[in-house]
N, C-alpha and C. Protein backbone atom coordinates (compact mmCIF):
# COMPACT_ATOMS: atom_id res chain seq x y z
N MET A 1 0.83 -1.18 0.00
CA MET A 1 0.00 0.00 0.00
C MET A 1 0.88 1.25 0.00
N LYS A 2 0.47 2.28 -0.70
CA LYS A 2 1.19 3.54 -0.69
C LYS A 2 0.68 4.41 0.45
N VAL A 3 1.58 4.77 1.36
CA VAL A 3 1.21 5.52 2.56
C VAL A 3 2.06 6.78 2.63
N SER A 4 1.42 7.90 2.86
CA SER A 4 2.14 9.16 2.99
C SER A 4 2.00 9.68 4.42
N LEU A 5 3.13 9.94 5.05
CA LEU A 5 3.15 10.51 6.39
C LEU A 5 3.21 12.02 6.28
N ILE A 6 2.27 12.69 6.95
CA ILE A 6 2.24 14.15 6.95
C ILE A 6 2.83 14.59 8.29
N GLY A 7 4.06 15.05 8.26
CA GLY A 7 4.79 15.36 9.48
C GLY A 7 6.00 14.45 9.60
N SER A 8 6.98 14.89 10.39
CA SER A 8 8.22 14.12 10.50
C SER A 8 8.73 14.05 11.94
N GLY A 9 7.81 14.15 12.89
CA GLY A 9 8.17 14.08 14.30
C GLY A 9 8.23 12.66 14.81
N ASN A 10 8.07 12.51 16.12
CA ASN A 10 8.22 11.20 16.75
C ASN A 10 7.19 10.17 16.29
N MET A 11 5.93 10.61 16.16
CA MET A 11 4.89 9.66 15.72
C MET A 11 5.13 9.21 14.29
N ALA A 12 5.47 10.15 13.42
CA ALA A 12 5.75 9.80 12.03
C ALA A 12 6.95 8.85 11.95
N THR A 13 7.95 9.09 12.78
CA THR A 13 9.15 8.24 12.78
C THR A 13 8.82 6.82 13.21
N GLY A 14 8.03 6.69 14.29
CA GLY A 14 7.63 5.37 14.75
C GLY A 14 6.81 4.62 13.73
N LEU A 15 5.85 5.33 13.11
CA LEU A 15 5.02 4.69 12.10
C LEU A 15 5.82 4.32 10.86
N ALA A 16 6.76 5.18 10.46
CA ALA A 16 7.57 4.88 9.28
C ALA A 16 8.32 3.57 9.46
N ALA A 17 8.88 3.36 10.65
CA ALA A 17 9.64 2.14 10.89
C ALA A 17 8.79 0.90 10.68
N GLN A 18 7.56 0.92 11.19
CA GLN A 18 6.70 -0.25 11.08
C GLN A 18 6.10 -0.42 9.70
N LEU A 19 5.76 0.69 9.06
CA LEU A 19 5.17 0.63 7.72
C LEU A 19 6.17 0.07 6.71
N VAL A 20 7.40 0.56 6.75
CA VAL A 20 8.41 0.06 5.82
C VAL A 20 8.71 -1.41 6.10
N LYS A 21 8.81 -1.77 7.38
CA LYS A 21 9.06 -3.16 7.76
C LYS A 21 7.96 -4.08 7.24
N ALA A 22 6.73 -3.57 7.20
CA ALA A 22 5.59 -4.37 6.73
C ALA A 22 5.49 -4.40 5.21
N GLY A 23 6.39 -3.69 4.52
CA GLY A 23 6.43 -3.77 3.07
C GLY A 23 5.67 -2.70 2.33
N HIS A 24 5.22 -1.67 3.02
CA HIS A 24 4.48 -0.60 2.36
C HIS A 24 5.42 0.42 1.73
N GLU A 25 4.91 1.09 0.71
CA GLU A 25 5.67 2.15 0.04
C GLU A 25 5.38 3.46 0.77
N VAL A 26 6.37 3.99 1.47
CA VAL A 26 6.16 5.10 2.38
C VAL A 26 6.83 6.38 1.87
N THR A 27 6.06 7.46 1.90
CA THR A 27 6.60 8.79 1.61
C THR A 27 6.32 9.69 2.80
N VAL A 28 7.07 10.76 2.88
CA VAL A 28 6.89 11.71 3.97
C VAL A 28 6.95 13.12 3.42
N THR A 29 6.09 13.98 3.92
CA THR A 29 6.13 15.39 3.58
C THR A 29 6.04 16.18 4.87
N SER A 30 6.83 17.23 4.97
CA SER A 30 6.89 18.01 6.20
C SER A 30 7.43 19.39 5.89
N ARG A 31 7.00 20.37 6.68
CA ARG A 31 7.57 21.70 6.53
C ARG A 31 9.00 21.75 7.05
N ASN A 32 9.37 20.76 7.86
CA ASN A 32 10.74 20.65 8.35
C ASN A 32 11.49 19.68 7.44
N THR A 33 12.14 20.23 6.45
CA THR A 33 12.78 19.38 5.43
C THR A 33 13.93 18.56 6.00
N ALA A 34 14.61 19.09 7.00
CA ALA A 34 15.75 18.36 7.57
C ALA A 34 15.30 17.09 8.29
N THR A 35 14.26 17.20 9.12
CA THR A 35 13.79 16.01 9.83
C THR A 35 13.12 15.04 8.88
N ALA A 36 12.46 15.55 7.85
CA ALA A 36 11.85 14.66 6.85
C ALA A 36 12.93 13.85 6.14
N ALA A 37 14.02 14.51 5.78
CA ALA A 37 15.11 13.83 5.09
C ALA A 37 15.76 12.78 6.00
N ALA A 38 15.93 13.13 7.28
CA ALA A 38 16.53 12.19 8.23
C ALA A 38 15.64 10.97 8.43
N LEU A 39 14.34 11.21 8.56
CA LEU A 39 13.39 10.10 8.71
C LEU A 39 13.46 9.18 7.50
N ALA A 40 13.42 9.78 6.32
CA ALA A 40 13.44 9.00 5.09
C ALA A 40 14.72 8.18 4.96
N ASP A 41 15.85 8.80 5.27
CA ASP A 41 17.13 8.10 5.16
C ASP A 41 17.22 6.93 6.15
N THR A 42 16.69 7.14 7.35
CA THR A 42 16.78 6.12 8.39
C THR A 42 15.90 4.91 8.09
N HIS A 43 14.72 5.17 7.56
CA HIS A 43 13.73 4.09 7.44
C HIS A 43 13.42 3.65 6.02
N GLY A 44 14.09 4.21 5.05
CA GLY A 44 13.86 3.77 3.68
C GLY A 44 12.61 4.32 3.06
N ALA A 45 12.20 5.50 3.49
CA ALA A 45 11.05 6.18 2.90
C ALA A 45 11.56 7.19 1.87
N ALA A 46 10.65 7.91 1.25
CA ALA A 46 11.02 8.93 0.27
C ALA A 46 10.35 10.25 0.65
N VAL A 47 11.06 11.33 0.49
CA VAL A 47 10.50 12.65 0.75
C VAL A 47 9.79 13.14 -0.51
N VAL A 48 8.57 13.66 -0.33
CA VAL A 48 7.83 14.22 -1.46
C VAL A 48 7.34 15.62 -1.10
N PRO A 49 7.15 16.47 -2.11
CA PRO A 49 6.58 17.79 -1.83
C PRO A 49 5.13 17.65 -1.42
N ALA A 50 4.59 18.71 -0.84
CA ALA A 50 3.21 18.67 -0.33
C ALA A 50 2.22 18.22 -1.38
N ASP A 51 2.38 18.70 -2.60
CA ASP A 51 1.38 18.36 -3.62
C ASP A 51 1.54 16.95 -4.15
N GLY A 52 2.57 16.22 -3.69
CA GLY A 52 2.74 14.83 -4.11
C GLY A 52 2.21 13.83 -3.11
N ALA A 53 1.91 14.31 -1.89
CA ALA A 53 1.47 13.39 -0.84
C ALA A 53 0.12 12.77 -1.15
N ALA A 54 -0.75 13.52 -1.82
CA ALA A 54 -2.11 13.05 -2.07
C ALA A 54 -2.18 11.88 -3.03
N GLU A 55 -1.05 11.52 -3.65
CA GLU A 55 -1.04 10.37 -4.55
C GLU A 55 -1.08 9.04 -3.80
N ALA A 56 -0.85 9.08 -2.50
CA ALA A 56 -0.85 7.85 -1.69
C ALA A 56 -2.25 7.30 -1.51
N ASP A 57 -2.33 6.02 -1.16
CA ASP A 57 -3.63 5.40 -0.87
C ASP A 57 -4.17 5.88 0.47
N VAL A 58 -3.26 6.05 1.43
CA VAL A 58 -3.63 6.48 2.78
C VAL A 58 -2.68 7.58 3.22
N LEU A 59 -3.24 8.63 3.78
CA LEU A 59 -2.45 9.71 4.36
C LEU A 59 -2.53 9.60 5.88
N ILE A 60 -1.40 9.65 6.55
CA ILE A 60 -1.39 9.60 8.01
C ILE A 60 -0.97 10.97 8.54
N LEU A 61 -1.89 11.62 9.23
CA LEU A 61 -1.68 12.97 9.74
C LEU A 61 -0.95 12.87 11.08
N ALA A 62 0.35 13.21 11.06
CA ALA A 62 1.18 13.07 12.25
C ALA A 62 1.81 14.40 12.63
N THR A 63 1.03 15.46 12.51
CA THR A 63 1.45 16.79 12.96
C THR A 63 0.92 17.02 14.37
N SER A 64 1.12 18.20 14.91
CA SER A 64 0.40 18.58 16.12
C SER A 64 -1.06 18.82 15.75
N ALA A 65 -1.94 18.77 16.73
CA ALA A 65 -3.36 19.00 16.45
C ALA A 65 -3.59 20.40 15.89
N GLY A 66 -2.86 21.37 16.40
CA GLY A 66 -3.03 22.74 15.95
C GLY A 66 -2.59 22.96 14.51
N ASP A 67 -1.66 22.14 14.04
CA ASP A 67 -1.15 22.28 12.67
C ASP A 67 -1.89 21.39 11.68
N ALA A 68 -2.82 20.58 12.16
CA ALA A 68 -3.43 19.55 11.33
C ALA A 68 -4.15 20.09 10.10
N VAL A 69 -5.06 21.01 10.31
CA VAL A 69 -5.86 21.52 9.18
C VAL A 69 -4.99 22.26 8.17
N PRO A 70 -4.12 23.20 8.60
CA PRO A 70 -3.25 23.85 7.61
C PRO A 70 -2.37 22.86 6.85
N ALA A 71 -1.87 21.83 7.53
CA ALA A 71 -1.02 20.85 6.87
C ALA A 71 -1.78 20.09 5.79
N LEU A 72 -3.01 19.71 6.08
CA LEU A 72 -3.81 19.00 5.09
C LEU A 72 -4.19 19.91 3.93
N ARG A 73 -4.55 21.13 4.22
CA ARG A 73 -4.92 22.07 3.15
C ARG A 73 -3.75 22.35 2.22
N ALA A 74 -2.54 22.28 2.74
CA ALA A 74 -1.35 22.52 1.91
C ALA A 74 -1.14 21.43 0.87
N LEU A 75 -1.82 20.30 1.03
CA LEU A 75 -1.64 19.17 0.12
C LEU A 75 -2.48 19.29 -1.14
N GLY A 76 -3.40 20.25 -1.16
CA GLY A 76 -4.28 20.39 -2.31
C GLY A 76 -5.61 19.70 -2.10
N ASP A 77 -6.24 19.30 -3.18
CA ASP A 77 -7.57 18.68 -3.11
C ASP A 77 -7.46 17.25 -2.59
N LEU A 78 -8.06 17.00 -1.43
CA LEU A 78 -8.01 15.67 -0.82
C LEU A 78 -9.37 14.98 -0.84
N THR A 79 -10.24 15.43 -1.68
CA THR A 79 -11.58 14.84 -1.76
C THR A 79 -11.50 13.33 -2.00
N GLY A 80 -12.13 12.58 -1.13
CA GLY A 80 -12.16 11.13 -1.26
C GLY A 80 -10.96 10.40 -0.71
N LYS A 81 -9.98 11.11 -0.17
CA LYS A 81 -8.77 10.48 0.33
C LYS A 81 -8.96 9.99 1.77
N ILE A 82 -8.40 8.85 2.08
CA ILE A 82 -8.42 8.32 3.44
C ILE A 82 -7.32 8.99 4.24
N VAL A 83 -7.71 9.62 5.34
CA VAL A 83 -6.77 10.32 6.21
C VAL A 83 -6.87 9.72 7.61
N VAL A 84 -5.75 9.28 8.15
CA VAL A 84 -5.71 8.76 9.52
C VAL A 84 -5.21 9.87 10.45
N ASP A 85 -6.03 10.22 11.41
CA ASP A 85 -5.68 11.28 12.35
C ASP A 85 -5.09 10.67 13.61
N VAL A 86 -3.80 10.89 13.84
CA VAL A 86 -3.15 10.36 15.05
C VAL A 86 -2.91 11.46 16.09
N THR A 87 -3.49 12.63 15.86
CA THR A 87 -3.22 13.77 16.74
C THR A 87 -4.01 13.71 18.04
N ASN A 88 -3.54 14.46 19.02
CA ASN A 88 -4.26 14.70 20.27
C ASN A 88 -4.17 16.19 20.60
N PRO A 89 -5.29 16.81 20.98
CA PRO A 89 -5.29 18.26 21.25
C PRO A 89 -4.74 18.58 22.64
N LEU A 90 -3.43 18.50 22.78
CA LEU A 90 -2.79 18.61 24.08
C LEU A 90 -2.33 20.04 24.37
N THR A 91 -2.32 20.38 25.66
CA THR A 91 -1.75 21.64 26.09
C THR A 91 -0.22 21.57 25.99
N ALA A 92 0.43 22.69 26.20
CA ALA A 92 1.88 22.75 26.04
C ALA A 92 2.63 21.81 26.97
N ASP A 93 2.07 21.54 28.15
CA ASP A 93 2.74 20.63 29.10
C ASP A 93 2.29 19.18 28.94
N TYR A 94 1.44 18.91 27.95
CA TYR A 94 0.96 17.56 27.62
C TYR A 94 0.08 16.94 28.71
N MET A 95 -0.31 17.69 29.69
CA MET A 95 -1.06 17.13 30.81
C MET A 95 -2.57 17.40 30.74
N SER A 96 -3.04 18.14 29.72
CA SER A 96 -4.47 18.42 29.58
C SER A 96 -4.82 18.49 28.09
N LEU A 97 -6.12 18.45 27.82
CA LEU A 97 -6.61 18.62 26.45
C LEU A 97 -7.12 20.04 26.26
N THR A 98 -6.98 20.54 25.06
CA THR A 98 -7.45 21.90 24.77
C THR A 98 -8.93 21.92 24.37
N ILE A 99 -9.45 20.80 23.89
CA ILE A 99 -10.87 20.69 23.56
C ILE A 99 -11.37 19.32 23.99
N GLY A 100 -12.68 19.17 24.09
CA GLY A 100 -13.24 17.88 24.45
C GLY A 100 -14.70 17.97 24.82
N HIS A 101 -15.26 16.87 25.30
CA HIS A 101 -16.65 16.76 25.76
C HIS A 101 -17.65 16.83 24.60
N SER A 102 -17.74 17.98 23.93
CA SER A 102 -18.74 18.16 22.89
C SER A 102 -18.15 18.07 21.48
N THR A 103 -16.84 17.92 21.38
CA THR A 103 -16.17 17.76 20.08
C THR A 103 -14.81 17.11 20.33
N SER A 104 -14.06 16.96 19.26
CA SER A 104 -12.73 16.36 19.34
C SER A 104 -11.86 16.95 18.24
N SER A 105 -10.57 16.74 18.35
CA SER A 105 -9.66 17.18 17.29
C SER A 105 -10.06 16.54 15.96
N ALA A 106 -10.39 15.26 15.99
CA ALA A 106 -10.76 14.55 14.77
C ALA A 106 -12.00 15.15 14.12
N GLU A 107 -13.01 15.43 14.93
CA GLU A 107 -14.23 16.00 14.38
C GLU A 107 -14.01 17.39 13.80
N GLU A 108 -13.15 18.16 14.44
CA GLU A 108 -12.85 19.50 13.94
C GLU A 108 -12.11 19.43 12.61
N ILE A 109 -11.22 18.47 12.47
CA ILE A 109 -10.52 18.28 11.21
C ILE A 109 -11.50 17.88 10.11
N ALA A 110 -12.38 16.94 10.42
CA ALA A 110 -13.38 16.49 9.44
C ALA A 110 -14.32 17.62 9.06
N ARG A 111 -14.65 18.47 10.01
CA ARG A 111 -15.52 19.60 9.73
C ARG A 111 -14.84 20.61 8.82
N ALA A 112 -13.55 20.80 9.01
CA ALA A 112 -12.80 21.78 8.21
C ALA A 112 -12.54 21.27 6.79
N LEU A 113 -12.43 19.94 6.63
CA LEU A 113 -12.17 19.34 5.32
C LEU A 113 -13.20 18.24 5.07
N PRO A 114 -14.43 18.63 4.75
CA PRO A 114 -15.52 17.64 4.66
C PRO A 114 -15.37 16.61 3.56
N GLY A 115 -14.46 16.81 2.62
CA GLY A 115 -14.31 15.85 1.54
C GLY A 115 -13.44 14.65 1.87
N ILE A 116 -12.71 14.69 2.99
CA ILE A 116 -11.82 13.58 3.32
C ILE A 116 -12.57 12.45 4.02
N ARG A 117 -11.98 11.28 4.02
CA ARG A 117 -12.54 10.11 4.70
C ARG A 117 -11.68 9.88 5.95
N LEU A 118 -12.10 10.46 7.05
CA LEU A 118 -11.24 10.54 8.23
C LEU A 118 -11.42 9.33 9.15
N VAL A 119 -10.30 8.80 9.58
CA VAL A 119 -10.28 7.70 10.56
C VAL A 119 -9.38 8.13 11.71
N LYS A 120 -9.89 8.05 12.93
CA LYS A 120 -9.08 8.31 14.11
C LYS A 120 -8.39 7.02 14.52
N GLY A 121 -7.08 7.09 14.75
CA GLY A 121 -6.38 5.88 15.15
C GLY A 121 -4.94 6.13 15.53
N PHE A 122 -4.34 5.21 16.24
CA PHE A 122 -2.95 5.23 16.69
C PHE A 122 -2.66 6.31 17.73
N ASN A 123 -3.63 7.13 18.08
CA ASN A 123 -3.36 8.27 18.97
C ASN A 123 -3.17 7.86 20.43
N THR A 124 -3.53 6.63 20.78
CA THR A 124 -3.39 6.18 22.17
C THR A 124 -2.08 5.43 22.40
N ILE A 125 -1.19 5.42 21.41
CA ILE A 125 0.07 4.69 21.50
C ILE A 125 1.24 5.68 21.49
N PHE A 126 2.14 5.53 22.43
CA PHE A 126 3.33 6.38 22.45
C PHE A 126 4.17 6.13 21.20
N ALA A 127 4.82 7.20 20.72
CA ALA A 127 5.67 7.08 19.54
C ALA A 127 6.77 6.05 19.75
N GLN A 128 7.31 5.99 20.96
CA GLN A 128 8.39 5.03 21.25
C GLN A 128 7.90 3.60 21.11
N LEU A 129 6.66 3.35 21.51
CA LEU A 129 6.10 2.00 21.39
C LEU A 129 5.77 1.68 19.95
N LEU A 130 5.32 2.67 19.20
CA LEU A 130 5.09 2.46 17.77
C LEU A 130 6.38 2.02 17.09
N GLY A 131 7.45 2.71 17.41
CA GLY A 131 8.73 2.37 16.80
C GLY A 131 9.24 1.00 17.19
N ALA A 132 8.92 0.58 18.42
CA ALA A 132 9.40 -0.72 18.92
C ALA A 132 8.62 -1.88 18.31
N GLY A 133 7.40 -1.63 17.86
CA GLY A 133 6.61 -2.69 17.25
C GLY A 133 5.45 -3.14 18.12
N ALA A 134 4.56 -3.93 17.53
CA ALA A 134 3.29 -4.27 18.17
C ALA A 134 3.35 -5.44 19.12
N ALA A 135 4.40 -6.24 19.06
CA ALA A 135 4.47 -7.46 19.88
C ALA A 135 4.68 -7.14 21.35
N LEU A 136 3.93 -7.81 22.22
CA LEU A 136 4.06 -7.66 23.67
C LEU A 136 4.82 -8.85 24.25
N PRO A 137 5.47 -8.68 25.40
CA PRO A 137 6.24 -9.78 26.00
C PRO A 137 5.42 -11.03 26.28
N ASP A 138 4.11 -10.87 26.55
CA ASP A 138 3.28 -12.03 26.85
C ASP A 138 2.72 -12.71 25.61
N GLY A 139 3.16 -12.25 24.44
CA GLY A 139 2.68 -12.84 23.21
C GLY A 139 1.51 -12.11 22.60
N GLY A 140 0.96 -11.10 23.32
CA GLY A 140 -0.14 -10.30 22.80
C GLY A 140 0.34 -9.22 21.86
N LYS A 141 -0.59 -8.37 21.49
CA LYS A 141 -0.29 -7.29 20.55
C LYS A 141 -0.81 -5.96 21.10
N VAL A 142 -0.11 -4.89 20.78
CA VAL A 142 -0.58 -3.54 21.12
C VAL A 142 -1.86 -3.26 20.33
N THR A 143 -2.82 -2.61 20.99
CA THR A 143 -4.12 -2.35 20.39
C THR A 143 -4.18 -0.98 19.73
N VAL A 144 -4.72 -0.94 18.54
CA VAL A 144 -5.05 0.30 17.86
C VAL A 144 -6.56 0.46 17.87
N PHE A 145 -7.06 1.55 18.43
CA PHE A 145 -8.48 1.87 18.42
C PHE A 145 -8.78 2.70 17.18
N LEU A 146 -9.84 2.33 16.45
CA LEU A 146 -10.21 3.04 15.23
C LEU A 146 -11.64 3.56 15.31
N ALA A 147 -11.82 4.83 15.04
CA ALA A 147 -13.15 5.45 15.02
C ALA A 147 -13.33 6.19 13.70
N SER A 148 -14.47 5.98 13.07
CA SER A 148 -14.74 6.65 11.81
C SER A 148 -16.21 6.51 11.45
N ASP A 149 -16.71 7.45 10.65
CA ASP A 149 -18.06 7.33 10.11
C ASP A 149 -18.06 6.64 8.75
N ASP A 150 -16.88 6.29 8.26
CA ASP A 150 -16.72 5.65 6.95
C ASP A 150 -16.22 4.22 7.17
N ALA A 151 -17.13 3.27 7.08
CA ALA A 151 -16.78 1.88 7.37
C ALA A 151 -15.72 1.34 6.42
N ALA A 152 -15.80 1.70 5.16
CA ALA A 152 -14.83 1.20 4.19
C ALA A 152 -13.44 1.77 4.46
N ALA A 153 -13.37 3.04 4.79
CA ALA A 153 -12.08 3.65 5.12
C ALA A 153 -11.50 3.03 6.38
N LYS A 154 -12.36 2.79 7.36
CA LYS A 154 -11.91 2.16 8.61
C LYS A 154 -11.35 0.76 8.34
N ALA A 155 -11.97 0.04 7.42
CA ALA A 155 -11.50 -1.31 7.09
C ALA A 155 -10.12 -1.27 6.43
N VAL A 156 -9.89 -0.27 5.59
CA VAL A 156 -8.58 -0.12 4.95
C VAL A 156 -7.51 0.16 6.00
N VAL A 157 -7.83 1.04 6.94
CA VAL A 157 -6.87 1.39 7.98
C VAL A 157 -6.65 0.21 8.93
N ALA A 158 -7.71 -0.55 9.19
CA ALA A 158 -7.56 -1.75 10.01
C ALA A 158 -6.60 -2.74 9.34
N ASP A 159 -6.74 -2.93 8.04
CA ASP A 159 -5.83 -3.83 7.31
C ASP A 159 -4.40 -3.32 7.40
N LEU A 160 -4.24 -1.99 7.29
CA LEU A 160 -2.91 -1.39 7.36
C LEU A 160 -2.29 -1.64 8.73
N ALA A 161 -3.07 -1.40 9.78
CA ALA A 161 -2.57 -1.61 11.15
C ALA A 161 -2.25 -3.08 11.40
N GLN A 162 -3.09 -3.97 10.93
CA GLN A 162 -2.86 -5.40 11.13
C GLN A 162 -1.64 -5.88 10.36
N SER A 163 -1.37 -5.27 9.23
CA SER A 163 -0.18 -5.65 8.46
C SER A 163 1.10 -5.33 9.23
N MET A 164 1.01 -4.35 10.16
CA MET A 164 2.14 -3.99 11.01
C MET A 164 2.16 -4.79 12.31
N GLY A 165 1.18 -5.68 12.47
CA GLY A 165 1.16 -6.55 13.63
C GLY A 165 0.28 -6.11 14.78
N PHE A 166 -0.44 -5.00 14.63
CA PHE A 166 -1.26 -4.48 15.72
C PHE A 166 -2.60 -5.20 15.81
N ALA A 167 -3.15 -5.25 17.02
CA ALA A 167 -4.52 -5.71 17.22
C ALA A 167 -5.45 -4.52 17.00
N ILE A 168 -6.68 -4.79 16.58
CA ILE A 168 -7.63 -3.74 16.26
C ILE A 168 -8.84 -3.81 17.17
N THR A 169 -9.26 -2.65 17.67
CA THR A 169 -10.54 -2.54 18.35
C THR A 169 -11.36 -1.47 17.65
N ASP A 170 -12.53 -1.86 17.14
CA ASP A 170 -13.42 -0.90 16.48
C ASP A 170 -14.05 -0.02 17.53
N ALA A 171 -13.75 1.27 17.48
CA ALA A 171 -14.24 2.22 18.48
C ALA A 171 -15.48 2.97 18.02
N GLY A 172 -16.10 2.51 16.94
CA GLY A 172 -17.36 3.10 16.52
C GLY A 172 -17.21 4.34 15.67
N PRO A 173 -18.20 5.24 15.73
CA PRO A 173 -18.22 6.42 14.86
C PRO A 173 -17.17 7.45 15.25
N LEU A 174 -16.97 8.42 14.38
CA LEU A 174 -15.93 9.42 14.59
C LEU A 174 -16.14 10.22 15.87
N LYS A 175 -17.37 10.42 16.28
CA LYS A 175 -17.61 11.20 17.49
C LYS A 175 -17.00 10.54 18.73
N ASN A 176 -16.70 9.25 18.63
CA ASN A 176 -16.07 8.57 19.76
C ASN A 176 -14.60 8.93 19.91
N ALA A 177 -14.09 9.74 18.98
CA ALA A 177 -12.76 10.34 19.19
C ALA A 177 -12.77 11.21 20.44
N ARG A 178 -13.96 11.65 20.86
CA ARG A 178 -14.09 12.41 22.11
C ARG A 178 -13.67 11.57 23.31
N TYR A 179 -13.71 10.25 23.16
CA TYR A 179 -13.26 9.35 24.22
C TYR A 179 -11.80 8.92 24.00
N LEU A 180 -11.43 8.72 22.74
CA LEU A 180 -10.08 8.25 22.45
C LEU A 180 -9.02 9.30 22.76
N GLU A 181 -9.33 10.56 22.52
CA GLU A 181 -8.35 11.61 22.81
C GLU A 181 -8.11 11.77 24.32
N PRO A 182 -9.15 11.78 25.17
CA PRO A 182 -8.88 11.76 26.61
C PRO A 182 -8.19 10.48 27.08
N LEU A 183 -8.48 9.35 26.42
CA LEU A 183 -7.80 8.10 26.76
C LEU A 183 -6.30 8.25 26.51
N ALA A 184 -5.96 8.90 25.42
CA ALA A 184 -4.54 9.17 25.14
C ALA A 184 -3.95 10.07 26.21
N GLY A 185 -4.74 11.07 26.65
CA GLY A 185 -4.27 11.94 27.72
C GLY A 185 -4.00 11.18 29.01
N LEU A 186 -4.87 10.23 29.33
CA LEU A 186 -4.66 9.40 30.52
C LEU A 186 -3.41 8.55 30.37
N ASN A 187 -3.20 8.01 29.17
CA ASN A 187 -2.01 7.21 28.93
C ASN A 187 -0.75 8.05 29.09
N ILE A 188 -0.80 9.29 28.65
CA ILE A 188 0.34 10.20 28.81
C ILE A 188 0.60 10.46 30.29
N TYR A 189 -0.49 10.62 31.07
CA TYR A 189 -0.31 10.80 32.51
C TYR A 189 0.37 9.58 33.13
N PHE A 190 -0.12 8.39 32.79
CA PHE A 190 0.48 7.18 33.33
C PHE A 190 1.96 7.08 32.93
N GLY A 191 2.25 7.43 31.67
CA GLY A 191 3.60 7.31 31.18
C GLY A 191 4.58 8.29 31.80
N TYR A 192 4.15 9.55 31.87
CA TYR A 192 5.06 10.60 32.35
C TYR A 192 4.72 11.09 33.75
N GLY A 193 3.45 11.41 33.98
CA GLY A 193 3.05 11.93 35.28
C GLY A 193 3.21 10.91 36.39
N ALA A 194 2.85 9.65 36.14
CA ALA A 194 2.95 8.60 37.13
C ALA A 194 4.23 7.78 37.01
N GLY A 195 5.03 8.10 36.01
CA GLY A 195 6.35 7.49 35.92
C GLY A 195 6.42 6.08 35.40
N HIS A 196 5.41 5.63 34.65
CA HIS A 196 5.42 4.26 34.16
C HIS A 196 6.19 4.09 32.85
N GLY A 197 6.60 5.19 32.26
CA GLY A 197 7.35 5.11 31.01
C GLY A 197 6.47 4.96 29.79
N THR A 198 7.10 4.86 28.64
CA THR A 198 6.36 4.88 27.37
C THR A 198 6.08 3.49 26.79
N ALA A 199 6.49 2.44 27.47
CA ALA A 199 6.22 1.08 26.99
C ALA A 199 4.88 0.58 27.52
N ILE A 200 3.87 1.42 27.42
CA ILE A 200 2.53 1.11 27.89
C ILE A 200 1.51 1.57 26.86
N ALA A 201 0.35 0.92 26.83
CA ALA A 201 -0.72 1.32 25.93
C ALA A 201 -2.04 0.75 26.45
N PRO A 202 -3.15 1.47 26.28
CA PRO A 202 -4.44 0.93 26.70
C PRO A 202 -4.93 -0.17 25.79
N ALA A 203 -5.74 -1.07 26.33
CA ALA A 203 -6.34 -2.14 25.56
C ALA A 203 -7.72 -2.44 26.08
N TRP A 204 -8.57 -3.00 25.24
CA TRP A 204 -9.91 -3.40 25.63
C TRP A 204 -9.91 -4.91 25.81
N VAL A 205 -10.16 -5.36 27.03
CA VAL A 205 -10.03 -6.78 27.35
C VAL A 205 -11.39 -7.37 27.72
N LYS A 206 -11.74 -8.47 27.08
CA LYS A 206 -12.97 -9.19 27.44
C LYS A 206 -12.68 -10.13 28.60
N ALA A 207 -13.48 -10.01 29.65
CA ALA A 207 -13.25 -10.82 30.84
C ALA A 207 -13.71 -12.27 30.66
N ALA A 208 -14.59 -12.48 29.72
CA ALA A 208 -15.10 -13.83 29.50
C ALA A 208 -15.55 -13.99 28.05
């Protein structure tokens, strides 16, 4: 699958490692050309200009939440394109969300660009864990929660995540990003505020 990473920070770096390992054709576009080039060189991806990113089958939005809409608009016409939103609307200290309850970062992105097929996912996983891979010491897999109003787009992203070894939990419609983004905030608290480190991720477990 052709996958374009929008952004070149920690999340994009972690995803690039797993996507290339899984055999996908990966490109990256970023306003920071130096980090984009470093990411591409390290993981075997290719750097493309903004107007070339939309040629991919799936776009993964790995910017900050505040930069998400401008970054997507810079790519040109994205009507009908599958976009995976991995952002979280975090405050500067990463300990709170800037929006929530009645909306989410994902919903605001979808509202600003109504032609895209938006899927929320990967936002509850630390970048370090993404880079390390989906396998857990007990033989399990790290869980990716996916929320979208587009069932077909969600299925494509589920296949992409599973190709990298992740387990999938269907989190329902896009409005449930209102729950996934705070869940990511809680995970960040556990990781940094409570000192558990970044080798942790939430999962949905059936008791019986």
